[in-house]
Amino acid sequence: MSLLLSLLLTAVKIYSFMLIGYILMSWFPGARESAIGQILEKACEPYLEPFRKIIPPLGMIDISPIVAIIALNLASNGLIFIFSNFL
């Protein structure tokens, strides 16, 4: 079971880094139009979209990706709790 938990936590961590990279790409003009930007967009936008619907941007600042990363962190903590207590 610890192997499965380790794989899941690694996947969550990799996805978190993908989200951070995607967010940072918004600071550079044309970065999201690159091949890597398009790959990250296809991977990250479906996850970020529900958060953007709930949390409106504050002027020019979109805080929904921060909330999305926090939710991902809470999910990984939930996985640790489930695997340590129930399995």
PDB file of N, CA and C in Angstrom:
ATOM      1  N   MET A   1       0.808  -1.192   0.000  1.00  0.00           N
ATOM      2  CA  MET A   1       0.000   0.000   0.000  1.00  0.00           C
ATOM      3  C   MET A   1       0.855   1.262   0.000  1.00  0.00           C
ATOM      4  N   SER A   2       2.014   1.197   0.649  1.00  0.00           N
ATOM      5  CA  SER A   2       2.845   2.399   0.697  1.00  0.00           C
ATOM      6  C   SER A   2       3.366   2.771  -0.688  1.00  0.00           C
ATOM      7  N   LEU A   3       3.536   1.778  -1.566  1.00  0.00           N
ATOM      8  CA  LEU A   3       3.961   2.068  -2.930  1.00  0.00           C
ATOM      9  C   LEU A   3       2.872   2.845  -3.668  1.00  0.00           C
ATOM     10  N   LEU A   4       1.624   2.444  -3.492  1.00  0.00           N
ATOM     11  CA  LEU A   4       0.514   3.142  -4.120  1.00  0.00           C
ATOM     12  C   LEU A   4       0.411   4.571  -3.594  1.00  0.00           C
ATOM     13  N   LEU A   5       0.537   4.739  -2.288  1.00  0.00           N
ATOM     14  CA  LEU A   5       0.501   6.077  -1.692  1.00  0.00           C
ATOM     15  C   LEU A   5       1.646   6.926  -2.226  1.00  0.00           C
ATOM     16  N   SER A   6       2.811   6.349  -2.312  1.00  0.00           N
ATOM     17  CA  SER A   6       3.968   7.073  -2.820  1.00  0.00           C
ATOM     18  C   SER A   6       3.754   7.519  -4.267  1.00  0.00           C
ATOM     19  N   LEU A   7       3.191   6.641  -5.084  1.00  0.00           N
ATOM     20  CA  LEU A   7       2.917   6.997  -6.474  1.00  0.00           C
ATOM     21  C   LEU A   7       1.873   8.108  -6.572  1.00  0.00           C
ATOM     22  N   LEU A   8       0.821   8.014  -5.768  1.00  0.00           N
ATOM     23  CA  LEU A   8      -0.216   9.045  -5.784  1.00  0.00           C
ATOM     24  C   LEU A   8       0.323  10.398  -5.321  1.00  0.00           C
ATOM     25  N   LEU A   9       1.121  10.391  -4.265  1.00  0.00           N
ATOM     26  CA  LEU A   9       1.683  11.644  -3.773  1.00  0.00           C
ATOM     27  C   LEU A   9       2.666  12.243  -4.767  1.00  0.00           C
ATOM     28  N   THR A  10       3.426  11.401  -5.454  1.00  0.00           N
ATOM     29  CA  THR A  10       4.336  11.886  -6.488  1.00  0.00           C
ATOM     30  C   THR A  10       3.564  12.497  -7.640  1.00  0.00           C
ATOM     31  N   ALA A  11       2.460  11.867  -8.028  1.00  0.00           N
ATOM     32  CA  ALA A  11       1.634  12.407  -9.104  1.00  0.00           C
ATOM     33  C   ALA A  11       1.040  13.758  -8.713  1.00  0.00           C
ATOM     34  N   VAL A  12       0.594  13.890  -7.472  1.00  0.00           N
ATOM     35  CA  VAL A  12       0.044  15.158  -6.999  1.00  0.00           C
ATOM     36  C   VAL A  12       1.127  16.236  -6.984  1.00  0.00           C
ATOM     37  N   LYS A  13       2.319  15.879  -6.553  1.00  0.00           N
ATOM     38  CA  LYS A  13       3.420  16.839  -6.512  1.00  0.00           C
ATOM     39  C   LYS A  13       3.809  17.290  -7.921  1.00  0.00           C
ATOM     40  N   ILE A  14       3.876  16.365  -8.856  1.00  0.00           N
ATOM     41  CA  ILE A  14       4.200  16.714 -10.245  1.00  0.00           C
ATOM     42  C   ILE A  14       3.125  17.626 -10.818  1.00  0.00           C
ATOM     43  N   TYR A  15       1.865  17.320 -10.544  1.00  0.00           N
ATOM     44  CA  TYR A  15       0.775  18.161 -11.044  1.00  0.00           C
ATOM     45  C   TYR A  15       0.830  19.554 -10.416  1.00  0.00           C
ATOM     46  N   SER A  16       1.205  19.632  -9.150  1.00  0.00           N
ATOM     47  CA  SER A  16       1.359  20.939  -8.500  1.00  0.00           C
ATOM     48  C   SER A  16       2.431  21.762  -9.196  1.00  0.00           C
ATOM     49  N   PHE A  17       3.552  21.131  -9.529  1.00  0.00           N
ATOM     50  CA  PHE A  17       4.614  21.843 -10.237  1.00  0.00           C
ATOM     51  C   PHE A  17       4.163  22.249 -11.634  1.00  0.00           C
ATOM     52  N   MET A  18       3.358  21.423 -12.279  1.00  0.00           N
ATOM     53  CA  MET A  18       2.810  21.785 -13.586  1.00  0.00           C
ATOM     54  C   MET A  18       1.918  23.017 -13.468  1.00  0.00           C
ATOM     55  N   LEU A  19       1.095  23.065 -12.421  1.00  0.00           N
ATOM     56  CA  LEU A  19       0.234  24.220 -12.194  1.00  0.00           C
ATOM     57  C   LEU A  19       1.055  25.487 -11.956  1.00  0.00           C
ATOM     58  N   ILE A  20       2.091  25.369 -11.154  1.00  0.00           N
ATOM     59  CA  ILE A  20       2.944  26.524 -10.877  1.00  0.00           C
ATOM     60  C   ILE A  20       3.615  27.001 -12.163  1.00  0.00           C
ATOM     61  N   GLY A  21       4.104  26.070 -12.968  1.00  0.00           N
ATOM     62  CA  GLY A  21       4.710  26.437 -14.247  1.00  0.00           C
ATOM     63  C   GLY A  21       3.714  27.112 -15.160  1.00  0.00           C
ATOM     64  N   TYR A  22       2.507  26.619 -15.188  1.00  0.00           N
ATOM     65  CA  TYR A  22       1.466  27.206 -16.032  1.00  0.00           C
ATOM     66  C   TYR A  22       1.122  28.615 -15.558  1.00  0.00           C
ATOM     67  N   ILE A  23       1.061  28.801 -14.268  1.00  0.00           N
ATOM     68  CA  ILE A  23       0.771  30.122 -13.711  1.00  0.00           C
ATOM     69  C   ILE A  23       1.903  31.093 -14.040  1.00  0.00           C
ATOM     70  N   LEU A  24       3.131  30.651 -13.886  1.00  0.00           N
ATOM     71  CA  LEU A  24       4.275  31.525 -14.172  1.00  0.00           C
ATOM     72  C   LEU A  24       4.354  31.892 -15.648  1.00  0.00           C
ATOM     73  N   MET A  25       3.858  31.031 -16.512  1.00  0.00           N
ATOM     74  CA  MET A  25       3.876  31.333 -17.949  1.00  0.00           C
ATOM     75  C   MET A  25       3.011  32.536 -18.292  1.00  0.00           C
ATOM     76  N   SER A  26       2.057  32.856 -17.449  1.00  0.00           N
ATOM     77  CA  SER A  26       1.206  34.019 -17.735  1.00  0.00           C
ATOM     78  C   SER A  26       1.986  35.322 -17.589  1.00  0.00           C
ATOM     79  N   TRP A  27       3.118  35.304 -16.939  1.00  0.00           N
ATOM     80  CA  TRP A  27       3.918  36.507 -16.758  1.00  0.00           C
ATOM     81  C   TRP A  27       4.751  36.844 -17.992  1.00  0.00           C
ATOM     82  N   PHE A  28       4.939  35.877 -18.873  1.00  0.00           N
ATOM     83  CA  PHE A  28       5.788  36.080 -20.040  1.00  0.00           C
ATOM     84  C   PHE A  28       4.930  36.072 -21.298  1.00  0.00           C
ATOM     85  N   PRO A  29       5.018  37.144 -22.089  1.00  0.00           N
ATOM     86  CA  PRO A  29       4.181  37.194 -23.294  1.00  0.00           C
ATOM     87  C   PRO A  29       4.570  36.105 -24.290  1.00  0.00           C
ATOM     88  N   GLY A  30       3.565  35.421 -24.783  1.00  0.00           N
ATOM     89  CA  GLY A  30       3.793  34.388 -25.786  1.00  0.00           C
ATOM     90  C   GLY A  30       4.213  33.038 -25.236  1.00  0.00           C
ATOM     91  N   ALA A  31       4.411  32.922 -23.935  1.00  0.00           N
ATOM     92  CA  ALA A  31       4.874  31.647 -23.375  1.00  0.00           C
ATOM     93  C   ALA A  31       3.786  30.576 -23.441  1.00  0.00           C
ATOM     94  N   ARG A  32       2.540  30.981 -23.281  1.00  0.00           N
ATOM     95  CA  ARG A  32       1.458  29.995 -23.319  1.00  0.00           C
ATOM     96  C   ARG A  32       1.165  29.509 -24.729  1.00  0.00           C
ATOM     97  N   GLU A  33       1.650  30.229 -25.723  1.00  0.00           N
ATOM     98  CA  GLU A  33       1.451  29.796 -27.108  1.00  0.00           C
ATOM     99  C   GLU A  33       2.532  28.819 -27.564  1.00  0.00           C
ATOM    100  N   SER A  34       3.551  28.609 -26.748  1.00  0.00           N
ATOM    101  CA  SER A  34       4.596  27.646 -27.100  1.00  0.00           C
ATOM    102  C   SER A  34       4.057  26.227 -26.960  1.00  0.00           C
ATOM    103  N   ALA A  35       4.836  25.263 -27.406  1.00  0.00           N
ATOM    104  CA  ALA A  35       4.401  23.859 -27.331  1.00  0.00           C
ATOM    105  C   ALA A  35       4.218  23.415 -25.887  1.00  0.00           C
ATOM    106  N   ILE A  36       5.140  23.788 -25.024  1.00  0.00           N
ATOM    107  CA  ILE A  36       5.031  23.418 -23.607  1.00  0.00           C
ATOM    108  C   ILE A  36       3.835  24.116 -22.979  1.00  0.00           C
ATOM    109  N   GLY A  37       3.617  25.368 -23.348  1.00  0.00           N
ATOM    110  CA  GLY A  37       2.474  26.110 -22.821  1.00  0.00           C
ATOM    111  C   GLY A  37       1.149  25.485 -23.211  1.00  0.00           C
ATOM    112  N   GLN A  38       1.068  25.001 -24.427  1.00  0.00           N
ATOM    113  CA  GLN A  38      -0.171  24.361 -24.875  1.00  0.00           C
ATOM    114  C   GLN A  38      -0.398  23.028 -24.170  1.00  0.00           C
ATOM    115  N   ILE A  39       0.675  22.284 -23.941  1.00  0.00           N
ATOM    116  CA  ILE A  39       0.550  21.020 -23.201  1.00  0.00           C
ATOM    117  C   ILE A  39       0.086  21.287 -21.773  1.00  0.00           C
ATOM    118  N   LEU A  40       0.706  22.288 -21.128  1.00  0.00           N
ATOM    119  CA  LEU A  40       0.306  22.621 -19.765  1.00  0.00           C
ATOM    120  C   LEU A  40      -1.126  23.154 -19.711  1.00  0.00           C
ATOM    121  N   GLU A  41      -1.520  23.896 -20.740  1.00  0.00           N
ATOM    122  CA  GLU A  41      -2.888  24.400 -20.785  1.00  0.00           C
ATOM    123  C   GLU A  41      -3.892  23.255 -20.854  1.00  0.00           C
ATOM    124  N   LYS A  42      -3.621  22.258 -21.682  1.00  0.00           N
ATOM    125  CA  LYS A  42      -4.526  21.112 -21.791  1.00  0.00           C
ATOM    126  C   LYS A  42      -4.590  20.313 -20.500  1.00  0.00           C
ATOM    127  N   ALA A  43      -3.484  20.304 -19.753  1.00  0.00           N
ATOM    128  CA  ALA A  43      -3.451  19.539 -18.511  1.00  0.00           C
ATOM    129  C   ALA A  43      -4.017  20.320 -17.324  1.00  0.00           C
ATOM    130  N   CYS A  44      -3.836  21.631 -17.311  1.00  0.00           N
ATOM    131  CA  CYS A  44      -4.170  22.424 -16.127  1.00  0.00           C
ATOM    132  C   CYS A  44      -5.528  23.124 -16.189  1.00  0.00           C
ATOM    133  N   GLU A  45      -5.947  23.568 -17.359  1.00  0.00           N
ATOM    134  CA  GLU A  45      -7.194  24.332 -17.454  1.00  0.00           C
ATOM    135  C   GLU A  45      -8.433  23.563 -16.989  1.00  0.00           C
ATOM    136  N   PRO A  46      -8.571  22.268 -17.296  1.00  0.00           N
ATOM    137  CA  PRO A  46      -9.771  21.570 -16.782  1.00  0.00           C
ATOM    138  C   PRO A  46      -9.854  21.566 -15.253  1.00  0.00           C
ATOM    139  N   TYR A  47      -8.709  21.560 -14.577  1.00  0.00           N
ATOM    140  CA  TYR A  47      -8.699  21.592 -13.116  1.00  0.00           C
ATOM    141  C   TYR A  47      -8.938  23.014 -12.599  1.00  0.00           C
ATOM    142  N   LEU A  48      -8.383  24.008 -13.280  1.00  0.00           N
ATOM    143  CA  LEU A  48      -8.502  25.388 -12.814  1.00  0.00           C
ATOM    144  C   LEU A  48      -9.864  26.010 -13.108  1.00  0.00           C
ATOM    145  N   GLU A  49     -10.543  25.533 -14.129  1.00  0.00           N
ATOM    146  CA  GLU A  49     -11.804  26.153 -14.559  1.00  0.00           C
ATOM    147  C   GLU A  49     -12.870  26.220 -13.466  1.00  0.00           C
ATOM    148  N   PRO A  50     -13.132  25.150 -12.703  1.00  0.00           N
ATOM    149  CA  PRO A  50     -14.145  25.265 -11.640  1.00  0.00           C
ATOM    150  C   PRO A  50     -13.775  26.297 -10.575  1.00  0.00           C
ATOM    151  N   PHE A  51     -12.484  26.419 -10.267  1.00  0.00           N
ATOM    152  CA  PHE A  51     -12.062  27.406  -9.278  1.00  0.00           C
ATOM    153  C   PHE A  51     -12.264  28.828  -9.809  1.00  0.00           C
ATOM    154  N   ARG A  52     -12.044  29.019 -11.105  1.00  0.00           N
ATOM    155  CA  ARG A  52     -12.243  30.344 -11.706  1.00  0.00           C
ATOM    156  C   ARG A  52     -13.712  30.725 -11.750  1.00  0.00           C
ATOM    157  N   LYS A  53     -14.594  29.733 -11.833  1.00  0.00           N
ATOM    158  CA  LYS A  53     -16.030  30.024 -11.822  1.00  0.00           C
ATOM    159  C   LYS A  53     -16.487  30.460 -10.431  1.00  0.00           C
ATOM    160  N   ILE A  54     -15.865  29.904  -9.402  1.00  0.00           N
ATOM    161  CA  ILE A  54     -16.257  30.208  -8.028  1.00  0.00           C
ATOM    162  C   ILE A  54     -15.604  31.498  -7.533  1.00  0.00           C
ATOM    163  N   ILE A  55     -14.322  31.684  -7.849  1.00  0.00           N
ATOM    164  CA  ILE A  55     -13.558  32.818  -7.326  1.00  0.00           C
ATOM    165  C   ILE A  55     -13.298  33.810  -8.462  1.00  0.00           C
ATOM    166  N   PRO A  56     -13.943  34.956  -8.422  1.00  0.00           N
ATOM    167  CA  PRO A  56     -13.700  35.932  -9.497  1.00  0.00           C
ATOM    168  C   PRO A  56     -12.337  36.598  -9.329  1.00  0.00           C
ATOM    169  N   PRO A  57     -11.740  37.076 -10.422  1.00  0.00           N
ATOM    170  CA  PRO A  57     -10.461  37.778 -10.320  1.00  0.00           C
ATOM    171  C   PRO A  57     -10.606  39.091  -9.543  1.00  0.00           C
ATOM    172  N   LEU A  58      -9.576  39.423  -8.805  1.00  0.00           N
ATOM    173  CA  LEU A  58      -9.552  40.681  -8.067  1.00  0.00           C
ATOM    174  C   LEU A  58      -8.771  41.694  -8.887  1.00  0.00           C
ATOM    175  N   GLY A  59      -9.463  42.412  -9.755  1.00  0.00           N
ATOM    176  CA  GLY A  59      -8.781  43.327 -10.664  1.00  0.00           C
ATOM    177  C   GLY A  59      -8.012  42.534 -11.698  1.00  0.00           C
ATOM    178  N   MET A  60      -6.715  42.713 -11.733  1.00  0.00           N
ATOM    179  CA  MET A  60      -5.861  41.992 -12.676  1.00  0.00           C
ATOM    180  C   MET A  60      -5.277  40.716 -12.064  1.00  0.00           C
ATOM    181  N   ILE A  61      -5.589  40.450 -10.806  1.00  0.00           N
ATOM    182  CA  ILE A  61      -5.000  39.315 -10.104  1.00  0.00           C
ATOM    183  C   ILE A  61      -6.011  38.186  -9.999  1.00  0.00           C
ATOM    184  N   ASP A  62      -5.615  37.009 -10.451  1.00  0.00           N
ATOM    185  CA  ASP A  62      -6.458  35.814 -10.372  1.00  0.00           C
ATOM    186  C   ASP A  62      -5.917  34.928  -9.259  1.00  0.00           C
ATOM    187  N   ILE A  63      -6.646  34.851  -8.146  1.00  0.00           N
ATOM    188  CA  ILE A  63      -6.163  34.054  -7.020  1.00  0.00           C
ATOM    189  C   ILE A  63      -6.687  32.621  -7.051  1.00  0.00           C
ATOM    190  N   SER A  64      -7.506  32.284  -8.039  1.00  0.00           N
ATOM    191  CA  SER A  64      -8.054  30.934  -8.100  1.00  0.00           C
ATOM    192  C   SER A  64      -6.968  29.858  -8.247  1.00  0.00           C
ATOM    193  N   PRO A  65      -5.850  30.081  -8.965  1.00  0.00           N
ATOM    194  CA  PRO A  65      -4.815  29.040  -8.992  1.00  0.00           C
ATOM    195  C   PRO A  65      -4.189  28.768  -7.624  1.00  0.00           C
ATOM    196  N   ILE A  66      -4.107  29.795  -6.793  1.00  0.00           N
ATOM    197  CA  ILE A  66      -3.568  29.595  -5.443  1.00  0.00           C
ATOM    198  C   ILE A  66      -4.504  28.697  -4.646  1.00  0.00           C
ATOM    199  N   VAL A  67      -5.803  28.964  -4.760  1.00  0.00           N
ATOM    200  CA  VAL A  67      -6.791  28.137  -4.063  1.00  0.00           C
ATOM    201  C   VAL A  67      -6.767  26.715  -4.618  1.00  0.00           C
ATOM    202  N   ALA A  68      -6.567  26.573  -5.934  1.00  0.00           N
ATOM    203  CA  ALA A  68      -6.500  25.248  -6.552  1.00  0.00           C
ATOM    204  C   ALA A  68      -5.295  24.459  -6.036  1.00  0.00           C
ATOM    205  N   ILE A  69      -4.165  25.122  -5.867  1.00  0.00           N
ATOM    206  CA  ILE A  69      -2.971  24.444  -5.341  1.00  0.00           C
ATOM    207  C   ILE A  69      -3.185  24.064  -3.885  1.00  0.00           C
ATOM    208  N   ILE A  70      -3.826  24.926  -3.116  1.00  0.00           N
ATOM    209  CA  ILE A  70      -4.134  24.595  -1.717  1.00  0.00           C
ATOM    210  C   ILE A  70      -5.068  23.395  -1.657  1.00  0.00           C
ATOM    211  N   ALA A  71      -6.057  23.341  -2.542  1.00  0.00           N
ATOM    212  CA  ALA A  71      -6.976  22.194  -2.578  1.00  0.00           C
ATOM    213  C   ALA A  71      -6.235  20.914  -2.935  1.00  0.00           C
ATOM    214  N   LEU A  72      -5.275  21.024  -3.845  1.00  0.00           N
ATOM    215  CA  LEU A  72      -4.471  19.857  -4.211  1.00  0.00           C
ATOM    216  C   LEU A  72      -3.617  19.394  -3.028  1.00  0.00           C
ATOM    217  N   ASN A  73      -3.094  20.357  -2.281  1.00  0.00           N
ATOM    218  CA  ASN A  73      -2.326  20.029  -1.079  1.00  0.00           C
ATOM    219  C   ASN A  73      -3.201  19.344  -0.032  1.00  0.00           C
ATOM    220  N   LEU A  74      -4.417  19.848   0.140  1.00  0.00           N
ATOM    221  CA  LEU A  74      -5.346  19.220   1.083  1.00  0.00           C
ATOM    222  C   LEU A  74      -5.706  17.806   0.642  1.00  0.00           C
ATOM    223  N   ALA A  75      -5.830  17.601  -0.665  1.00  0.00           N
ATOM    224  CA  ALA A  75      -6.122  16.262  -1.181  1.00  0.00           C
ATOM    225  C   ALA A  75      -4.972  15.308  -0.883  1.00  0.00           C
ATOM    226  N   SER A  76      -3.747  15.777  -1.024  1.00  0.00           N
ATOM    227  CA  SER A  76      -2.606  14.894  -0.722  1.00  0.00           C
ATOM    228  C   SER A  76      -2.552  14.585   0.769  1.00  0.00           C
ATOM    229  N   ASN A  77      -2.874  15.572   1.614  1.00  0.00           N
ATOM    230  CA  ASN A  77      -2.937  15.303   3.050  1.00  0.00           C
ATOM    231  C   ASN A  77      -4.067  14.324   3.373  1.00  0.00           C
ATOM    232  N   GLY A  78      -5.175  14.422   2.651  1.00  0.00           N
ATOM    233  CA  GLY A  78      -6.270  13.474   2.826  1.00  0.00           C
ATOM    234  C   GLY A  78      -5.868  12.065   2.434  1.00  0.00           C
ATOM    235  N   LEU A  79      -5.097  11.943   1.349  1.00  0.00           N
ATOM    236  CA  LEU A  79      -4.594  10.624   0.947  1.00  0.00           C
ATOM    237  C   LEU A  79      -3.717  10.019   2.037  1.00  0.00           C
ATOM    238  N   ILE A  80      -2.852  10.838   2.604  1.00  0.00           N
ATOM    239  CA  ILE A  80      -1.978  10.346   3.680  1.00  0.00           C
ATOM    240  C   ILE A  80      -2.821   9.891   4.870  1.00  0.00           C
ATOM    241  N   PHE A  81      -3.840  10.661   5.221  1.00  0.00           N
ATOM    242  CA  PHE A  81      -4.703  10.303   6.336  1.00  0.00           C
ATOM    243  C   PHE A  81      -5.440   9.005   6.072  1.00  0.00           C
ATOM    244  N   ILE A  82      -6.000   8.872   4.875  1.00  0.00           N
ATOM    245  CA  ILE A  82      -6.757   7.668   4.528  1.00  0.00           C
ATOM    246  C   ILE A  82      -5.863   6.442   4.558  1.00  0.00           C
ATOM    247  N   PHE A  83      -4.684   6.553   3.935  1.00  0.00           N
ATOM    248  CA  PHE A  83      -3.800   5.399   3.869  1.00  0.00           C
ATOM    249  C   PHE A  83      -3.234   5.044   5.248  1.00  0.00           C
ATOM    250  N   SER A  84      -3.014   6.033   6.103  1.00  0.00           N
ATOM    251  CA  SER A  84      -2.420   5.726   7.401  1.00  0.00           C
ATOM    252  C   SER A  84      -3.445   5.193   8.393  1.00  0.00           C
ATOM    253  N   ASN A  85      -4.713   5.593   8.259  1.00  0.00           N
ATOM    254  CA  ASN A  85      -5.707   5.201   9.248  1.00  0.00           C
ATOM    255  C   ASN A  85      -6.629   4.067   8.833  1.00  0.00           C
ATOM    256  N   PHE A  86      -6.880   3.935   7.545  1.00  0.00           N
ATOM    257  CA  PHE A  86      -7.897   2.967   7.142  1.00  0.00           C
ATOM    258  C   PHE A  86      -7.346   1.782   6.355  1.00  0.00           C
ATOM    259  N   LEU A  87      -6.177   1.923   5.787  1.00  0.00           N
ATOM    260  CA  LEU A  87      -5.661   0.818   4.966  1.00  0.00           C
ATOM    261  C   LEU A  87      -4.437   0.188   5.590  1.00  0.00           C
TER     262      LEU A  87
END
